[in-house]
């Protein structure tokens, strides 16, 4: 009886070529698993394609709500942003994909999991760390790093497929390398490989438009949060995945959430990409506006550090670790009172405040107002400043004394 291998399958050229390659070089029974994180791809006919290419069966697993509730929400609550720009769209999806691959491997009694991530990228690390953490006994086959993998271009992959009786309408034309899910879409390759080049937004953008082509009239959107979790848009209650869908349409329409970044990959190289995260950018901004009102200064400062730490953890593929659990536990403890309503104005790539309210707001107008009442006496500041600046004054006095002795 042949051993079974689980292949992370998209239906694209790479994973199509991997099916006959696995059968030819390892004599495996290939079971394909397509994990749908809301990427919007047309899945009709995918099962027939997988079986035509030699797979025993195909699982199509919709994990969109799990992705949103268990992976996206913690990152929004943490305000996790990698290198001050990247909202972790690809990074957040990899652990839920790895988890489902392992679950199907257990169900099928497979001995190995195969992926088609390249040897230069971050995804190989994210997939493999996830699999190792959840199923250390399973073998991992990284096709592009395997000595038996001899294909080095789309043309060679197409020829390999044809030689094995697979003549599908794949194109050898160069195009952007893209990754899409409900949260975002990334673009790499072509003119983006040279940082000196301006992105060709006319051909590049998928989820939205440029700020120049956005409407000349701004649009307001109101979001409600309960304990740090988004629960409604413009007064309409929705599950998180539907909120993201709604905000993607609004944000895309107004040119929100387009970034161009040269980031530091885990493997050591720099890479350039353009990311579209219209709905996510709005969610991050709204959540942060609410926290400005609610969290005290010290908690907010430490939470900022923890958010950066979570971003690094997620980017490096270390989701299934005690550190991620500990950081997330801290983040969740800060969200107990992050409840309220945020109104924002979207206009030509910009998001501006239009009013934030919360029953737990620490903003006190009677204290903050210039016409201060009994809650704050201006004279109280004098003693505070004397104590707060004491070390500065003592040092300055010592420096004066030292200069006189020279």
Protein backbone atom coordinates (compact mmCIF):
# COMPACT_ATOMS: atom_id res chain seq x y z
CA UNK A 1 0.00 0.00 0.00
CA UNK A 2 1.40 3.39 -1.03
CA UNK A 3 2.15 6.06 1.55
CA UNK A 4 0.07 9.22 1.35
CA UNK A 5 1.34 12.78 1.01
CA UNK A 6 -0.73 15.92 1.59
CA UNK A 7 -0.05 18.64 -0.99
CA UNK A 8 -0.88 22.27 -0.22
CA UNK A 9 -2.71 22.90 -3.50
CA UNK A 10 -3.79 26.10 -5.24
CA UNK A 11 -4.46 24.80 -8.73
CA UNK A 12 -1.71 27.00 -10.17
CA UNK A 13 1.21 25.89 -12.30
CA UNK A 14 3.63 25.11 -9.46
CA UNK A 15 1.31 22.85 -7.48
CA UNK A 16 0.00 21.27 -10.70
CA UNK A 17 3.54 20.25 -11.68
CA UNK A 18 4.22 18.96 -8.16
CA UNK A 19 1.47 16.29 -8.41
CA UNK A 20 3.15 14.15 -11.12
CA UNK A 21 6.57 15.00 -9.66
CA UNK A 22 5.60 13.51 -6.29
CA UNK A 23 4.17 10.39 -7.92
CA UNK A 24 7.21 9.92 -10.16
CA UNK A 25 9.94 10.55 -7.59
CA UNK A 26 8.40 9.25 -4.37
CA UNK A 27 5.61 6.93 -5.54
CA UNK A 28 3.20 8.64 -3.16
CA UNK A 29 -0.57 8.67 -3.24
CA UNK A 30 -1.17 12.43 -3.60
CA UNK A 31 -4.02 14.08 -1.71
CA UNK A 32 -4.46 17.77 -2.50
CA UNK A 33 -5.73 20.28 0.05
CA UNK A 34 -6.84 23.74 -1.02
CA UNK A 35 -7.29 25.94 2.05
CA UNK A 36 -9.61 28.84 1.28
CA UNK A 37 -8.86 31.91 3.40
CA UNK A 38 -11.22 34.07 1.37
CA UNK A 39 -8.87 34.54 -1.57
CA UNK A 40 -11.80 34.92 -3.94
CA UNK A 41 -10.47 32.46 -6.46
CA UNK A 42 -12.86 30.45 -8.58
CA UNK A 43 -12.83 26.97 -7.04
CA UNK A 44 -15.29 25.36 -9.44
CA UNK A 45 -13.61 22.61 -11.41
CA UNK A 46 -10.58 22.46 -9.11
CA UNK A 47 -11.36 18.91 -8.01
CA UNK A 48 -11.50 17.70 -11.62
CA UNK A 49 -8.22 19.46 -12.35
CA UNK A 50 -6.45 17.89 -9.37
CA UNK A 51 -7.64 14.40 -10.26
CA UNK A 52 -6.81 14.92 -13.95
CA UNK A 53 -3.25 15.75 -12.87
CA UNK A 54 -2.99 12.52 -10.87
CA UNK A 55 -4.22 13.37 -7.39
CA UNK A 56 -6.23 10.76 -5.54
CA UNK A 57 -8.61 13.37 -4.14
CA UNK A 58 -8.94 17.07 -3.31
CA UNK A 59 -10.14 18.70 -0.13
CA UNK A 60 -11.41 22.28 -0.43
CA UNK A 61 -11.42 23.68 3.08
CA UNK A 62 -13.11 27.03 3.80
CA UNK A 63 -11.41 28.46 6.90
CA UNK A 64 -12.32 32.10 6.25
CA UNK A 65 -14.18 32.71 9.51
CA UNK A 66 -11.57 30.88 11.57
CA UNK A 67 -8.88 32.95 9.85
CA UNK A 68 -10.70 36.17 10.70
CA UNK A 69 -11.73 35.34 14.27
CA UNK A 70 -8.65 33.48 15.51
CA UNK A 71 -5.78 35.04 13.56
CA UNK A 72 -6.76 38.47 12.19
CA UNK A 73 -8.59 39.76 15.27
CA UNK A 74 -5.62 39.21 17.66
CA UNK A 75 -3.37 41.13 15.26
CA UNK A 76 -5.86 44.00 15.02
CA UNK A 77 -6.16 44.12 18.81
CA UNK A 78 -2.37 44.19 19.11
CA UNK A 79 -1.94 46.71 16.28
CA UNK A 80 0.68 44.30 14.96
CA UNK A 81 2.52 45.94 12.06
CA UNK A 82 5.77 44.59 10.63
CA UNK A 83 8.43 47.25 10.02
CA UNK A 84 5.89 50.06 10.50
CA UNK A 85 3.99 49.27 7.29
CA UNK A 86 3.06 45.66 6.60
CA UNK A 87 -0.26 44.47 8.07
CA UNK A 88 0.78 40.81 7.90
CA UNK A 89 -1.76 39.68 5.30
CA UNK A 90 0.20 36.67 4.03
CA UNK A 91 1.87 35.96 7.38
CA UNK A 92 -1.41 35.65 9.33
CA UNK A 93 -2.86 33.11 6.88
CA UNK A 94 0.01 30.63 6.94
CA UNK A 95 -0.57 29.16 10.42
CA UNK A 96 -4.26 28.43 9.78
CA UNK A 97 -3.30 26.79 6.48
CA UNK A 98 -0.60 24.69 8.18
CA UNK A 99 -3.09 23.69 10.89
CA UNK A 100 -5.62 22.47 8.35
CA UNK A 101 -2.96 20.59 6.35
CA UNK A 102 -2.00 18.72 9.52
CA UNK A 103 -5.63 17.97 10.34
CA UNK A 104 -6.21 16.44 6.90
CA UNK A 105 -2.91 14.54 7.14
CA UNK A 106 -4.11 12.95 10.39
CA UNK A 107 -7.50 12.17 8.91
CA UNK A 108 -5.95 10.49 5.86
CA UNK A 109 -3.12 8.77 7.71
CA UNK A 110 -0.54 10.58 5.57
CA UNK A 111 3.16 10.38 6.36
CA UNK A 112 4.24 13.63 4.67
CA UNK A 113 3.14 17.14 3.75
CA UNK A 114 4.43 18.90 0.64
CA UNK A 115 4.39 22.61 -0.19
CA UNK A 116 5.45 24.64 -3.20
CA UNK A 117 7.01 27.63 -1.46
CA UNK A 118 10.35 28.74 -2.90
CA UNK A 119 13.67 28.54 -1.09
CA UNK A 120 14.06 32.31 -1.03
CA UNK A 121 10.84 33.33 0.66
CA UNK A 122 9.26 33.48 4.10
CA UNK A 123 6.43 31.04 3.43
CA UNK A 124 8.65 27.96 3.56
CA UNK A 125 9.53 28.95 7.14
CA UNK A 126 5.93 29.68 8.15
CA UNK A 127 4.53 26.45 6.72
CA UNK A 128 7.27 24.28 8.10
CA UNK A 129 7.38 25.81 11.58
CA UNK A 130 3.63 25.37 11.81
CA UNK A 131 3.80 21.73 10.71
CA UNK A 132 6.72 20.96 13.02
CA UNK A 133 4.91 22.50 15.99
CA UNK A 134 1.67 20.58 15.35
CA UNK A 135 2.98 17.30 13.90
CA UNK A 136 6.70 16.78 14.51
CA UNK A 137 6.47 13.20 13.23
CA UNK A 138 5.36 14.16 9.72
CA UNK A 139 7.89 14.44 6.92
CA UNK A 140 8.01 17.77 5.10
CA UNK A 141 8.78 17.93 1.39
CA UNK A 142 9.74 21.35 0.05
CA UNK A 143 9.66 20.74 -3.70
CA UNK A 144 11.74 23.76 -4.71
CA UNK A 145 14.53 22.78 -2.28
CA UNK A 146 14.55 19.09 -3.23
CA UNK A 147 17.43 17.75 -5.32
CA UNK A 148 14.96 15.87 -7.50
CA UNK A 149 13.26 19.13 -8.53
CA UNK A 150 14.91 20.19 -11.79
CA UNK A 151 12.43 22.78 -13.05
CA UNK A 152 13.59 26.40 -12.78
CA UNK A 153 11.05 28.38 -14.84
CA UNK A 154 7.40 28.46 -15.82
CA UNK A 155 8.39 27.23 -19.26
CA UNK A 156 10.13 24.16 -17.85
CA UNK A 157 7.17 23.44 -15.56
CA UNK A 158 4.76 23.64 -18.50
CA UNK A 159 6.94 21.27 -20.52
CA UNK A 160 7.13 18.86 -17.58
CA UNK A 161 3.35 18.85 -17.27
CA UNK A 162 2.88 18.25 -21.00
CA UNK A 163 5.35 15.37 -20.87
CA UNK A 164 3.14 13.80 -18.23
CA UNK A 165 -0.06 14.23 -20.20
CA UNK A 166 -1.16 17.46 -18.52
CA UNK A 167 -1.88 20.13 -21.15
CA UNK A 168 -3.67 22.90 -19.29
CA UNK A 169 -3.99 26.55 -20.40
CA UNK A 170 -1.08 27.86 -18.33
CA UNK A 171 0.81 30.86 -19.71
CA UNK A 172 4.58 31.25 -19.66
CA UNK A 173 4.22 35.03 -19.72
CA UNK A 174 5.80 36.87 -16.82
CA UNK A 175 3.38 38.46 -14.38
CA UNK A 176 3.29 39.70 -10.83
CA UNK A 177 3.67 37.13 -8.09
CA UNK A 178 0.54 37.59 -6.00
CA UNK A 179 -0.89 36.23 -2.78
CA UNK A 180 -4.51 36.94 -1.95
CA UNK A 181 -6.89 36.26 0.89
CA UNK A 182 -9.79 38.09 2.48
CA UNK A 183 -7.44 40.48 4.32
CA UNK A 184 -5.18 41.64 1.49
CA UNK A 185 -3.40 41.04 -1.79
CA UNK A 186 0.37 41.28 -2.29
CA UNK A 187 2.25 42.03 -5.49
CA UNK A 188 5.91 41.23 -6.22
CA UNK A 189 8.01 40.96 -9.37
CA UNK A 190 8.25 42.78 -12.71
CA UNK A 191 9.07 46.50 -12.27
CA UNK A 192 8.86 46.17 -8.48
CA UNK A 193 12.11 44.18 -8.41
CA UNK A 194 13.99 47.45 -8.94
CA UNK A 195 13.34 49.91 -6.08
CA UNK A 196 14.17 52.73 -8.49
CA UNK A 197 10.97 52.03 -10.44
CA UNK A 198 7.58 53.51 -9.68
CA UNK A 199 4.87 50.85 -9.40
CA UNK A 200 2.65 50.49 -12.47
CA UNK A 201 -0.58 50.97 -10.56
CA UNK A 202 -2.65 50.90 -13.75
CA UNK A 203 -1.95 47.18 -14.14
CA UNK A 204 -1.10 46.28 -10.55
CA UNK A 205 -4.05 47.17 -8.31
CA UNK A 206 -6.78 44.58 -7.73
CA UNK A 207 -8.73 45.55 -4.62
CA UNK A 208 -8.81 49.30 -5.10
CA UNK A 209 -7.82 52.37 -7.04
CA UNK A 210 -5.19 55.05 -6.69
CA UNK A 211 -5.99 58.10 -4.56
CA UNK A 212 -5.89 60.22 -7.73
CA UNK A 213 -8.75 58.22 -9.22
CA UNK A 214 -10.74 57.97 -5.99
CA UNK A 215 -14.00 59.97 -5.70
CA UNK A 216 -13.72 63.70 -5.14
CA UNK A 217 -16.20 63.43 -2.28
CA UNK A 218 -15.19 61.87 1.03
CA UNK A 219 -17.25 59.16 2.71
CA UNK A 220 -17.90 58.50 6.39
CA UNK A 221 -17.82 55.07 8.00
CA UNK A 222 -18.72 54.23 11.60
CA UNK A 223 -17.34 51.15 13.35
CA UNK A 224 -18.37 49.68 16.68
CA UNK A 225 -16.09 47.55 18.85
CA UNK A 226 -16.82 45.34 21.84
CA UNK A 227 -13.80 44.34 23.93
CA UNK A 228 -11.52 45.12 21.00
CA UNK A 229 -13.51 43.07 18.47
CA UNK A 230 -15.27 44.83 15.57
CA UNK A 231 -19.01 44.05 15.64
CA UNK A 232 -20.72 46.49 13.27
CA UNK A 233 -20.30 48.84 10.31
CA UNK A 234 -22.56 51.87 9.99
CA UNK A 235 -24.90 50.45 12.61
CA UNK A 236 -25.26 47.06 10.95
CA UNK A 237 -24.07 44.11 13.03
CA UNK A 238 -21.93 41.62 11.13
CA UNK A 239 -19.46 38.83 11.74
CA UNK A 240 -15.81 39.83 11.37
CA UNK A 241 -15.38 38.32 7.90
CA UNK A 242 -18.33 40.33 6.56
CA UNK A 243 -17.01 43.50 8.21
CA UNK A 244 -13.72 43.02 6.38
CA UNK A 245 -15.56 42.43 3.08
CA UNK A 246 -17.59 45.62 3.59
CA UNK A 247 -14.54 47.68 4.49
CA UNK A 248 -12.55 46.29 1.56
CA UNK A 249 -15.15 47.72 -0.80
CA UNK A 250 -15.23 51.10 0.97
CA UNK A 251 -11.46 51.34 1.39
CA UNK A 252 -10.73 50.18 -2.14
CA UNK A 253 -13.13 52.76 -3.54
CA UNK A 254 -11.23 55.57 -1.78
CA UNK A 255 -7.67 54.39 -2.42
CA UNK A 256 -7.06 53.32 1.19
CA UNK A 257 -4.39 50.87 2.31
CA UNK A 258 -1.86 50.81 -0.55
CA UNK A 259 1.74 50.48 0.64
CA UNK A 260 5.04 50.08 -1.17
CA UNK A 261 7.66 48.52 1.09
CA UNK A 262 11.18 47.12 0.95
CA UNK A 263 11.00 44.63 3.81
CA UNK A 264 13.55 42.41 5.51
CA UNK A 265 12.71 38.77 4.94
CA UNK A 266 13.47 36.19 7.61
CA UNK A 267 16.04 34.52 5.34
CA UNK A 268 18.14 37.69 5.33
CA UNK A 269 17.44 39.34 1.99
CA UNK A 270 15.42 42.47 1.29
CA UNK A 271 12.40 42.24 -0.98
CA UNK A 272 10.06 44.83 -2.39
CA UNK A 273 6.34 44.46 -2.58
CA UNK A 274 3.16 46.44 -2.95
CA UNK A 275 0.35 45.45 -0.60
CA UNK A 276 -3.33 46.34 -0.78
CA UNK A 277 -5.10 46.10 2.57
CA UNK A 278 -8.04 48.51 2.31
CA UNK A 279 -10.39 47.07 4.94
CA UNK A 280 -7.60 46.09 7.28
CA UNK A 281 -6.12 49.58 7.24
CA UNK A 282 -9.48 51.04 8.26
CA UNK A 283 -9.89 48.46 11.05
CA UNK A 284 -6.40 49.12 12.44
CA UNK A 285 -6.97 52.88 12.41
CA UNK A 286 -10.39 52.66 14.08
CA UNK A 287 -9.17 50.31 16.80
CA UNK A 288 -6.19 52.52 17.55
CA UNK A 289 -8.40 55.62 17.79
CA UNK A 290 -10.52 53.85 20.38
CA UNK A 291 -7.51 52.74 22.41
CA UNK A 292 -6.22 56.32 22.53
CA UNK A 293 -9.25 57.18 24.63
CA UNK A 294 -9.35 54.10 26.82
CA UNK A 295 -5.87 52.82 27.69
CA UNK A 296 -3.76 54.55 30.31
CA UNK A 297 -0.34 55.84 29.33
CA UNK A 298 1.80 53.04 30.75
CA UNK A 299 -0.40 50.24 29.41
CA UNK A 300 -0.54 51.87 25.99
CA UNK A 301 3.25 52.18 25.87
CA UNK A 302 3.88 48.54 26.81
CA UNK A 303 1.12 47.36 24.49
CA UNK A 304 2.88 49.15 21.62
CA UNK A 305 6.00 47.12 22.34
CA UNK A 306 3.99 43.91 22.57
CA UNK A 307 2.24 44.70 19.27
CA UNK A 308 5.60 45.05 17.55
CA UNK A 309 6.70 41.78 19.14
CA UNK A 310 3.60 39.98 17.93
CA UNK A 311 4.20 41.31 14.42
CA UNK A 312 7.70 39.82 14.47
CA UNK A 313 6.40 36.50 15.82
CA UNK A 314 3.72 36.24 13.13
CA UNK A 315 6.04 37.35 10.33
CA UNK A 316 8.62 34.73 11.33
CA UNK A 317 6.07 31.92 11.37
CA UNK A 318 6.17 31.34 15.14
CA UNK A 319 2.41 31.34 15.71
CA UNK A 320 2.31 27.97 17.47
CA UNK A 321 4.71 28.92 20.25
CA UNK A 322 4.41 29.69 23.98
CA UNK A 323 5.71 33.21 23.26
CA UNK A 324 2.83 34.01 20.92
CA UNK A 325 0.36 32.66 23.45
CA UNK A 326 1.89 34.78 26.22
CA UNK A 327 1.99 37.97 24.15
CA UNK A 328 -1.57 37.42 22.98
CA UNK A 329 -2.71 36.83 26.56
CA UNK A 330 -1.29 40.23 27.52
CA UNK A 331 -2.96 41.88 24.53
CA UNK A 332 -6.32 40.31 25.37
CA UNK A 333 -6.08 41.56 28.96
CA UNK A 334 -5.82 45.13 27.63
CA UNK A 335 -9.00 44.76 25.55
CA UNK A 336 -11.50 44.37 28.41
CA UNK A 337 -12.73 47.96 28.10
CA UNK A 338 -11.92 48.65 24.42
CA UNK A 339 -15.59 49.18 23.61
CA UNK A 340 -17.08 52.10 21.73
CA UNK A 341 -17.81 53.74 18.41
CA UNK A 342 -15.38 55.26 15.92
CA UNK A 343 -16.36 57.48 13.01
CA UNK A 344 -13.82 58.00 10.23
CA UNK A 345 -13.73 59.93 6.98
CA UNK A 346 -12.24 58.23 3.92
CA UNK A 347 -10.89 60.55 1.24
CA UNK A 348 -8.34 59.91 -1.50
CA UNK A 349 -6.10 57.49 0.39
CA UNK A 350 -6.48 59.24 3.74
CA UNK A 351 -8.33 58.32 6.91
CA UNK A 352 -9.21 61.16 9.29
CA UNK A 353 -10.95 61.20 12.66
CA UNK A 354 -14.60 62.20 12.68
CA UNK A 355 -15.49 61.42 16.27
CA UNK A 356 -14.80 58.65 18.82
CA UNK A 357 -16.90 57.74 21.84
CA UNK A 358 -16.65 55.10 24.57
CA UNK A 359 -18.30 54.53 27.95
CA UNK A 360 -14.79 53.74 29.24
CA UNK A 361 -13.03 56.82 27.88
CA UNK A 362 -10.37 58.23 30.20
CA UNK A 363 -10.58 61.60 28.47
CA UNK A 364 -12.04 64.09 30.95
CA UNK A 365 -12.98 67.42 29.43
CA UNK A 366 -13.19 69.15 32.79
CA UNK A 367 -9.52 68.26 33.38
CA UNK A 368 -8.16 68.72 29.86
CA UNK A 369 -9.97 72.01 29.16
CA UNK A 370 -8.05 75.28 29.43
CA UNK A 371 -10.83 76.50 31.69
CA UNK A 372 -9.88 74.00 34.38
CA UNK A 373 -12.17 73.56 37.35
CA UNK A 374 -11.67 72.00 40.74
CA UNK A 375 -10.31 68.68 39.43
CA UNK A 376 -6.98 70.25 38.48
CA UNK A 377 -5.15 73.22 39.93
CA UNK A 378 -2.51 74.80 37.70
CA UNK A 379 -0.36 75.41 40.75
CA UNK A 380 -0.05 71.67 41.34
CA UNK A 381 2.20 71.46 38.29
CA UNK A 382 4.98 73.44 39.96
CA UNK A 383 5.82 70.83 42.58
CA UNK A 384 5.46 68.04 40.03
CA UNK A 385 7.90 69.73 37.64
CA UNK A 386 10.40 70.30 40.42
CA UNK A 387 10.42 66.60 41.29
CA UNK A 388 10.15 65.36 37.70
CA UNK A 389 13.10 67.52 36.63
CA UNK A 390 15.21 67.06 39.78
CA UNK A 391 17.75 64.73 38.19
CA UNK A 392 18.21 67.12 35.26
CA UNK A 393 18.79 70.04 37.63
CA UNK A 394 21.22 68.12 39.87
CA UNK A 395 23.29 67.07 36.85
CA UNK A 396 23.36 70.62 35.48
CA UNK A 397 24.52 71.93 38.87
CA UNK A 398 27.29 69.34 38.99
CA UNK A 399 28.44 70.23 35.45
CA UNK A 400 28.55 73.92 36.41
CA UNK A 401 30.61 73.08 39.49
CA UNK A 402 33.00 70.93 37.45
CA UNK A 403 33.53 73.65 34.84
CA UNK A 404 34.60 76.15 37.53
CA UNK A 405 37.35 73.86 38.80
CA UNK A 406 39.04 73.54 35.41
